[in-house]
Amino acid sequence: MSVMREELHHLVDRLPEEKVAPLLRLVRDQLDERPVVRDLPFIGMLEAEPDFAERSEEILCSEDNHSL
């Protein structure tokens, strides 16, 4: 493995988890490969404050911005 690849591996391993998805998209774009679509069922539970429904759009927008 080249020195540059080793450095890239090391740097990626140091990234916080929320920064990995955008970097992964960037690398996949460079490879011109179609992303693998995983058809997994969504199962979840939620406990929230009473105003959660009123704030849902705000919360979703906030979460979308974290993944960029």
PDB file of N, CA and C in Angstrom:
ATOM      1  N   MET A   1       0.853  -1.170   0.000  1.00  0.00           N
ATOM      2  CA  MET A   1       0.000   0.000   0.000  1.00  0.00           C
ATOM      3  C   MET A   1       0.903   1.237   0.000  1.00  0.00           C
ATOM      4  N   SER A   2       0.513   2.222  -0.794  1.00  0.00           N
ATOM      5  CA  SER A   2       1.329   3.424  -0.895  1.00  0.00           C
ATOM      6  C   SER A   2       1.231   4.257   0.385  1.00  0.00           C
ATOM      7  N   VAL A   3       2.189   5.151   0.546  1.00  0.00           N
ATOM      8  CA  VAL A   3       2.221   6.035   1.714  1.00  0.00           C
ATOM      9  C   VAL A   3       0.978   6.918   1.746  1.00  0.00           C
ATOM     10  N   MET A   4       0.540   7.408   0.594  1.00  0.00           N
ATOM     11  CA  MET A   4      -0.655   8.258   0.553  1.00  0.00           C
ATOM     12  C   MET A   4      -1.899   7.491   0.989  1.00  0.00           C
ATOM     13  N   ARG A   5      -2.031   6.247   0.549  1.00  0.00           N
ATOM     14  CA  ARG A   5      -3.189   5.438   0.950  1.00  0.00           C
ATOM     15  C   ARG A   5      -3.164   5.161   2.454  1.00  0.00           C
ATOM     16  N   GLU A   6      -1.988   4.881   2.987  1.00  0.00           N
ATOM     17  CA  GLU A   6      -1.874   4.649   4.422  1.00  0.00           C
ATOM     18  C   GLU A   6      -2.261   5.901   5.204  1.00  0.00           C
ATOM     19  N   GLU A   7      -1.813   7.056   4.733  1.00  0.00           N
ATOM     20  CA  GLU A   7      -2.176   8.309   5.405  1.00  0.00           C
ATOM     21  C   GLU A   7      -3.679   8.544   5.326  1.00  0.00           C
ATOM     22  N   LEU A   8      -4.275   8.278   4.163  1.00  0.00           N
ATOM     23  CA  LEU A   8      -5.717   8.443   4.009  1.00  0.00           C
ATOM     24  C   LEU A   8      -6.479   7.534   4.973  1.00  0.00           C
ATOM     25  N   HIS A   9      -6.069   6.284   5.072  1.00  0.00           N
ATOM     26  CA  HIS A   9      -6.701   5.356   6.018  1.00  0.00           C
ATOM     27  C   HIS A   9      -6.600   5.897   7.445  1.00  0.00           C
ATOM     28  N   HIS A  10      -5.431   6.362   7.798  1.00  0.00           N
ATOM     29  CA  HIS A  10      -5.208   6.892   9.151  1.00  0.00           C
ATOM     30  C   HIS A  10      -6.109   8.100   9.421  1.00  0.00           C
ATOM     31  N   LEU A  11      -6.200   9.013   8.458  1.00  0.00           N
ATOM     32  CA  LEU A  11      -7.015  10.211   8.644  1.00  0.00           C
ATOM     33  C   LEU A  11      -8.502   9.876   8.728  1.00  0.00           C
ATOM     34  N   VAL A  12      -8.950   8.960   7.883  1.00  0.00           N
ATOM     35  CA  VAL A  12     -10.363   8.563   7.916  1.00  0.00           C
ATOM     36  C   VAL A  12     -10.696   7.923   9.258  1.00  0.00           C
ATOM     37  N   ASP A  13      -9.806   7.107   9.783  1.00  0.00           N
ATOM     38  CA  ASP A  13     -10.044   6.474  11.080  1.00  0.00           C
ATOM     39  C   ASP A  13     -10.172   7.498  12.202  1.00  0.00           C
ATOM     40  N   ARG A  14      -9.573   8.658  12.048  1.00  0.00           N
ATOM     41  CA  ARG A  14      -9.621   9.702  13.086  1.00  0.00           C
ATOM     42  C   ARG A  14     -10.857  10.588  12.975  1.00  0.00           C
ATOM     43  N   LEU A  15     -11.592  10.497  11.871  1.00  0.00           N
ATOM     44  CA  LEU A  15     -12.770  11.350  11.690  1.00  0.00           C
ATOM     45  C   LEU A  15     -13.881  10.997  12.666  1.00  0.00           C
ATOM     46  N   PRO A  16     -14.607  12.019  13.147  1.00  0.00           N
ATOM     47  CA  PRO A  16     -15.812  11.712  13.925  1.00  0.00           C
ATOM     48  C   PRO A  16     -16.854  11.073  13.007  1.00  0.00           C
ATOM     49  N   GLU A  17     -17.697  10.240  13.568  1.00  0.00           N
ATOM     50  CA  GLU A  17     -18.649   9.449  12.785  1.00  0.00           C
ATOM     51  C   GLU A  17     -19.524  10.298  11.869  1.00  0.00           C
ATOM     52  N   GLU A  18     -19.941  11.477  12.329  1.00  0.00           N
ATOM     53  CA  GLU A  18     -20.838  12.323  11.523  1.00  0.00           C
ATOM     54  C   GLU A  18     -20.158  12.888  10.271  1.00  0.00           C
ATOM     55  N   LYS A  19     -18.845  12.818  10.200  1.00  0.00           N
ATOM     56  CA  LYS A  19     -18.127  13.315   9.020  1.00  0.00           C
ATOM     57  C   LYS A  19     -17.855  12.222   7.991  1.00  0.00           C
ATOM     58  N   VAL A  20     -18.142  10.975   8.337  1.00  0.00           N
ATOM     59  CA  VAL A  20     -17.812   9.852   7.452  1.00  0.00           C
ATOM     60  C   VAL A  20     -18.726   9.785   6.229  1.00  0.00           C
ATOM     61  N   ALA A  21     -20.039   9.976   6.411  1.00  0.00           N
ATOM     62  CA  ALA A  21     -20.989   9.847   5.296  1.00  0.00           C
ATOM     63  C   ALA A  21     -20.681  10.799   4.141  1.00  0.00           C
ATOM     64  N   PRO A  22     -20.431  12.105   4.406  1.00  0.00           N
ATOM     65  CA  PRO A  22     -20.117  12.988   3.276  1.00  0.00           C
ATOM     66  C   PRO A  22     -18.829  12.596   2.559  1.00  0.00           C
ATOM     67  N   LEU A  23     -17.856  12.144   3.322  1.00  0.00           N
ATOM     68  CA  LEU A  23     -16.598  11.721   2.708  1.00  0.00           C
ATOM     69  C   LEU A  23     -16.805  10.463   1.873  1.00  0.00           C
ATOM     70  N   LEU A  24     -17.616   9.554   2.373  1.00  0.00           N
ATOM     71  CA  LEU A  24     -17.926   8.336   1.632  1.00  0.00           C
ATOM     72  C   LEU A  24     -18.610   8.664   0.309  1.00  0.00           C
ATOM     73  N   ARG A  25     -19.554   9.611   0.326  1.00  0.00           N
ATOM     74  CA  ARG A  25     -20.218  10.033  -0.918  1.00  0.00           C
ATOM     75  C   ARG A  25     -19.202  10.619  -1.896  1.00  0.00           C
ATOM     76  N   LEU A  26     -18.291  11.428  -1.389  1.00  0.00           N
ATOM     77  CA  LEU A  26     -17.270  12.042  -2.246  1.00  0.00           C
ATOM     78  C   LEU A  26     -16.408  10.972  -2.911  1.00  0.00           C
ATOM     79  N   VAL A  27     -15.979   9.995  -2.151  1.00  0.00           N
ATOM     80  CA  VAL A  27     -15.134   8.932  -2.704  1.00  0.00           C
ATOM     81  C   VAL A  27     -15.912   8.096  -3.715  1.00  0.00           C
ATOM     82  N   ARG A  28     -17.168   7.760  -3.380  1.00  0.00           N
ATOM     83  CA  ARG A  28     -17.975   6.994  -4.329  1.00  0.00           C
ATOM     84  C   ARG A  28     -18.179   7.758  -5.627  1.00  0.00           C
ATOM     85  N   ASP A  29     -18.377   9.078  -5.534  1.00  0.00           N
ATOM     86  CA  ASP A  29     -18.530   9.889  -6.741  1.00  0.00           C
ATOM     87  C   ASP A  29     -17.281   9.828  -7.616  1.00  0.00           C
ATOM     88  N   GLN A  30     -16.123   9.750  -6.994  1.00  0.00           N
ATOM     89  CA  GLN A  30     -14.868   9.680  -7.742  1.00  0.00           C
ATOM     90  C   GLN A  30     -14.732   8.350  -8.481  1.00  0.00           C
ATOM     91  N   LEU A  31     -15.365   7.312  -7.965  1.00  0.00           N
ATOM     92  CA  LEU A  31     -15.275   5.987  -8.581  1.00  0.00           C
ATOM     93  C   LEU A  31     -16.317   5.770  -9.663  1.00  0.00           C
ATOM     94  N   ASP A  32     -17.278   6.679  -9.774  1.00  0.00           N
ATOM     95  CA  ASP A  32     -18.355   6.548 -10.750  1.00  0.00           C
ATOM     96  C   ASP A  32     -19.094   5.229 -10.630  1.00  0.00           C
ATOM     97  N   GLU A  33     -19.235   4.735  -9.405  1.00  0.00           N
ATOM     98  CA  GLU A  33     -19.982   3.504  -9.170  1.00  0.00           C
ATOM     99  C   GLU A  33     -21.343   3.858  -8.594  1.00  0.00           C
ATOM    100  N   ARG A  34     -22.319   3.049  -8.928  1.00  0.00           N
ATOM    101  CA  ARG A  34     -23.651   3.270  -8.368  1.00  0.00           C
ATOM    102  C   ARG A  34     -23.638   2.821  -6.910  1.00  0.00           C
ATOM    103  N   PRO A  35     -24.251   3.597  -6.014  1.00  0.00           N
ATOM    104  CA  PRO A  35     -24.272   3.205  -4.605  1.00  0.00           C
ATOM    105  C   PRO A  35     -25.089   1.939  -4.382  1.00  0.00           C
ATOM    106  N   VAL A  36     -24.673   1.168  -3.431  1.00  0.00           N
ATOM    107  CA  VAL A  36     -25.386  -0.043  -3.066  1.00  0.00           C
ATOM    108  C   VAL A  36     -26.613   0.365  -2.258  1.00  0.00           C
ATOM    109  N   VAL A  37     -27.772  -0.071  -2.711  1.00  0.00           N
ATOM    110  CA  VAL A  37     -29.011   0.243  -2.005  1.00  0.00           C
ATOM    111  C   VAL A  37     -29.368  -0.953  -1.138  1.00  0.00           C
ATOM    112  N   ARG A  38     -29.492  -0.695   0.139  1.00  0.00           N
ATOM    113  CA  ARG A  38     -29.843  -1.760   1.064  1.00  0.00           C
ATOM    114  C   ARG A  38     -31.306  -1.613   1.432  1.00  0.00           C
ATOM    115  N   ASP A  39     -32.052  -2.655   1.224  1.00  0.00           N
ATOM    116  CA  ASP A  39     -33.467  -2.635   1.515  1.00  0.00           C
ATOM    117  C   ASP A  39     -33.704  -3.256   2.888  1.00  0.00           C
ATOM    118  N   LEU A  40     -33.488  -2.443   3.911  1.00  0.00           N
ATOM    119  CA  LEU A  40     -33.650  -2.925   5.270  1.00  0.00           C
ATOM    120  C   LEU A  40     -34.934  -2.362   5.862  1.00  0.00           C
ATOM    121  N   PRO A  41     -35.596  -3.136   6.673  1.00  0.00           N
ATOM    122  CA  PRO A  41     -36.808  -2.609   7.319  1.00  0.00           C
ATOM    123  C   PRO A  41     -36.438  -1.583   8.373  1.00  0.00           C
ATOM    124  N   PHE A  42     -37.311  -0.607   8.559  1.00  0.00           N
ATOM    125  CA  PHE A  42     -37.096   0.393   9.602  1.00  0.00           C
ATOM    126  C   PHE A  42     -37.882  -0.024  10.832  1.00  0.00           C
ATOM    127  N   ILE A  43     -37.165  -0.167  11.920  1.00  0.00           N
ATOM    128  CA  ILE A  43     -37.805  -0.499  13.183  1.00  0.00           C
ATOM    129  C   ILE A  43     -37.266   0.493  14.198  1.00  0.00           C
ATOM    130  N   GLY A  44     -38.160   1.189  14.886  1.00  0.00           N
ATOM    131  CA  GLY A  44     -37.686   2.145  15.860  1.00  0.00           C
ATOM    132  C   GLY A  44     -38.716   2.455  16.911  1.00  0.00           C
ATOM    133  N   MET A  45     -38.220   3.004  17.990  1.00  0.00           N
ATOM    134  CA  MET A  45     -39.086   3.447  19.066  1.00  0.00           C
ATOM    135  C   MET A  45     -38.702   4.878  19.386  1.00  0.00           C
ATOM    136  N   LEU A  46     -39.653   5.627  19.876  1.00  0.00           N
ATOM    137  CA  LEU A  46     -39.396   7.025  20.136  1.00  0.00           C
ATOM    138  C   LEU A  46     -40.080   7.460  21.418  1.00  0.00           C
ATOM    139  N   GLU A  47     -39.325   8.159  22.225  1.00  0.00           N
ATOM    140  CA  GLU A  47     -39.884   8.785  23.415  1.00  0.00           C
ATOM    141  C   GLU A  47     -39.497  10.249  23.327  1.00  0.00           C
ATOM    142  N   ALA A  48     -40.472  11.142  23.452  1.00  0.00           N
ATOM    143  CA  ALA A  48     -40.175  12.550  23.240  1.00  0.00           C
ATOM    144  C   ALA A  48     -41.026  13.432  24.133  1.00  0.00           C
ATOM    145  N   GLU A  49     -40.633  14.689  24.154  1.00  0.00           N
ATOM    146  CA  GLU A  49     -41.379  15.706  24.892  1.00  0.00           C
ATOM    147  C   GLU A  49     -42.726  15.943  24.214  1.00  0.00           C
ATOM    148  N   PRO A  50     -43.696  16.535  24.918  1.00  0.00           N
ATOM    149  CA  PRO A  50     -45.025  16.782  24.330  1.00  0.00           C
ATOM    150  C   PRO A  50     -45.009  17.646  23.069  1.00  0.00           C
ATOM    151  N   ASP A  51     -44.055  18.570  22.938  1.00  0.00           N
ATOM    152  CA  ASP A  51     -44.039  19.451  21.773  1.00  0.00           C
ATOM    153  C   ASP A  51     -43.271  18.862  20.589  1.00  0.00           C
ATOM    154  N   PHE A  52     -42.941  17.584  20.670  1.00  0.00           N
ATOM    155  CA  PHE A  52     -42.140  16.946  19.623  1.00  0.00           C
ATOM    156  C   PHE A  52     -42.796  17.046  18.252  1.00  0.00           C
ATOM    157  N   ALA A  53     -44.081  16.788  18.166  1.00  0.00           N
ATOM    158  CA  ALA A  53     -44.773  16.841  16.873  1.00  0.00           C
ATOM    159  C   ALA A  53     -44.715  18.245  16.288  1.00  0.00           C
ATOM    160  N   GLU A  54     -44.849  19.240  17.130  1.00  0.00           N
ATOM    161  CA  GLU A  54     -44.796  20.627  16.650  1.00  0.00           C
ATOM    162  C   GLU A  54     -43.402  20.994  16.154  1.00  0.00           C
ATOM    163  N   ARG A  55     -42.380  20.418  16.748  1.00  0.00           N
ATOM    164  CA  ARG A  55     -40.994  20.745  16.391  1.00  0.00           C
ATOM    165  C   ARG A  55     -40.390  19.764  15.390  1.00  0.00           C
ATOM    166  N   SER A  56     -41.166  18.805  14.887  1.00  0.00           N
ATOM    167  CA  SER A  56     -40.605  17.737  14.060  1.00  0.00           C
ATOM    168  C   SER A  56     -39.878  18.245  12.824  1.00  0.00           C
ATOM    169  N   GLU A  57     -40.450  19.225  12.117  1.00  0.00           N
ATOM    170  CA  GLU A  57     -39.774  19.741  10.916  1.00  0.00           C
ATOM    171  C   GLU A  57     -38.445  20.387  11.272  1.00  0.00           C
ATOM    172  N   GLU A  58     -38.425  21.153  12.341  1.00  0.00           N
ATOM    173  CA  GLU A  58     -37.192  21.803  12.789  1.00  0.00           C
ATOM    174  C   GLU A  58     -36.132  20.759  13.139  1.00  0.00           C
ATOM    175  N   ILE A  59     -36.553  19.714  13.836  1.00  0.00           N
ATOM    176  CA  ILE A  59     -35.619  18.659  14.234  1.00  0.00           C
ATOM    177  C   ILE A  59     -35.105  17.921  13.018  1.00  0.00           C
ATOM    178  N   LEU A  60     -35.973  17.582  12.075  1.00  0.00           N
ATOM    179  CA  LEU A  60     -35.543  16.875  10.872  1.00  0.00           C
ATOM    180  C   LEU A  60     -34.576  17.708  10.051  1.00  0.00           C
ATOM    181  N   CYS A  61     -34.847  18.980   9.893  1.00  0.00           N
ATOM    182  CA  CYS A  61     -33.933  19.857   9.150  1.00  0.00           C
ATOM    183  C   CYS A  61     -32.576  19.917   9.825  1.00  0.00           C
ATOM    184  N   SER A  62     -32.584  19.990  11.137  1.00  0.00           N
ATOM    185  CA  SER A  62     -31.349  20.028  11.899  1.00  0.00           C
ATOM    186  C   SER A  62     -30.553  18.751  11.688  1.00  0.00           C
ATOM    187  N   GLU A  63     -31.203  17.597  11.720  1.00  0.00           N
ATOM    188  CA  GLU A  63     -30.534  16.323  11.512  1.00  0.00           C
ATOM    189  C   GLU A  63     -29.981  16.208  10.097  1.00  0.00           C
ATOM    190  N   ASP A  64     -30.708  16.682   9.094  1.00  0.00           N
ATOM    191  CA  ASP A  64     -30.230  16.645   7.709  1.00  0.00           C
ATOM    192  C   ASP A  64     -28.942  17.432   7.568  1.00  0.00           C
ATOM    193  N   ASN A  65     -28.833  18.548   8.231  1.00  0.00           N
ATOM    194  CA  ASN A  65     -27.640  19.385   8.126  1.00  0.00           C
ATOM    195  C   ASN A  65     -26.435  18.726   8.788  1.00  0.00           C
ATOM    196  N   HIS A  66     -26.648  17.864   9.772  1.00  0.00           N
ATOM    197  CA  HIS A  66     -25.529  17.188  10.419  1.00  0.00           C
ATOM    198  C   HIS A  66     -24.885  16.174   9.506  1.00  0.00           C
ATOM    199  N   SER A  67     -25.621  15.629   8.574  1.00  0.00           N
ATOM    200  CA  SER A  67     -25.061  14.599   7.707  1.00  0.00           C
ATOM    201  C   SER A  67     -24.301  15.157   6.517  1.00  0.00           C
ATOM    202  N   LEU A  68     -24.300  16.471   6.333  1.00  0.00           N
ATOM    203  CA  LEU A  68     -23.586  17.075   5.201  1.00  0.00           C
ATOM    204  C   LEU A  68     -22.143  17.310   5.496  1.00  0.00           C
TER     205      LEU A  68
END
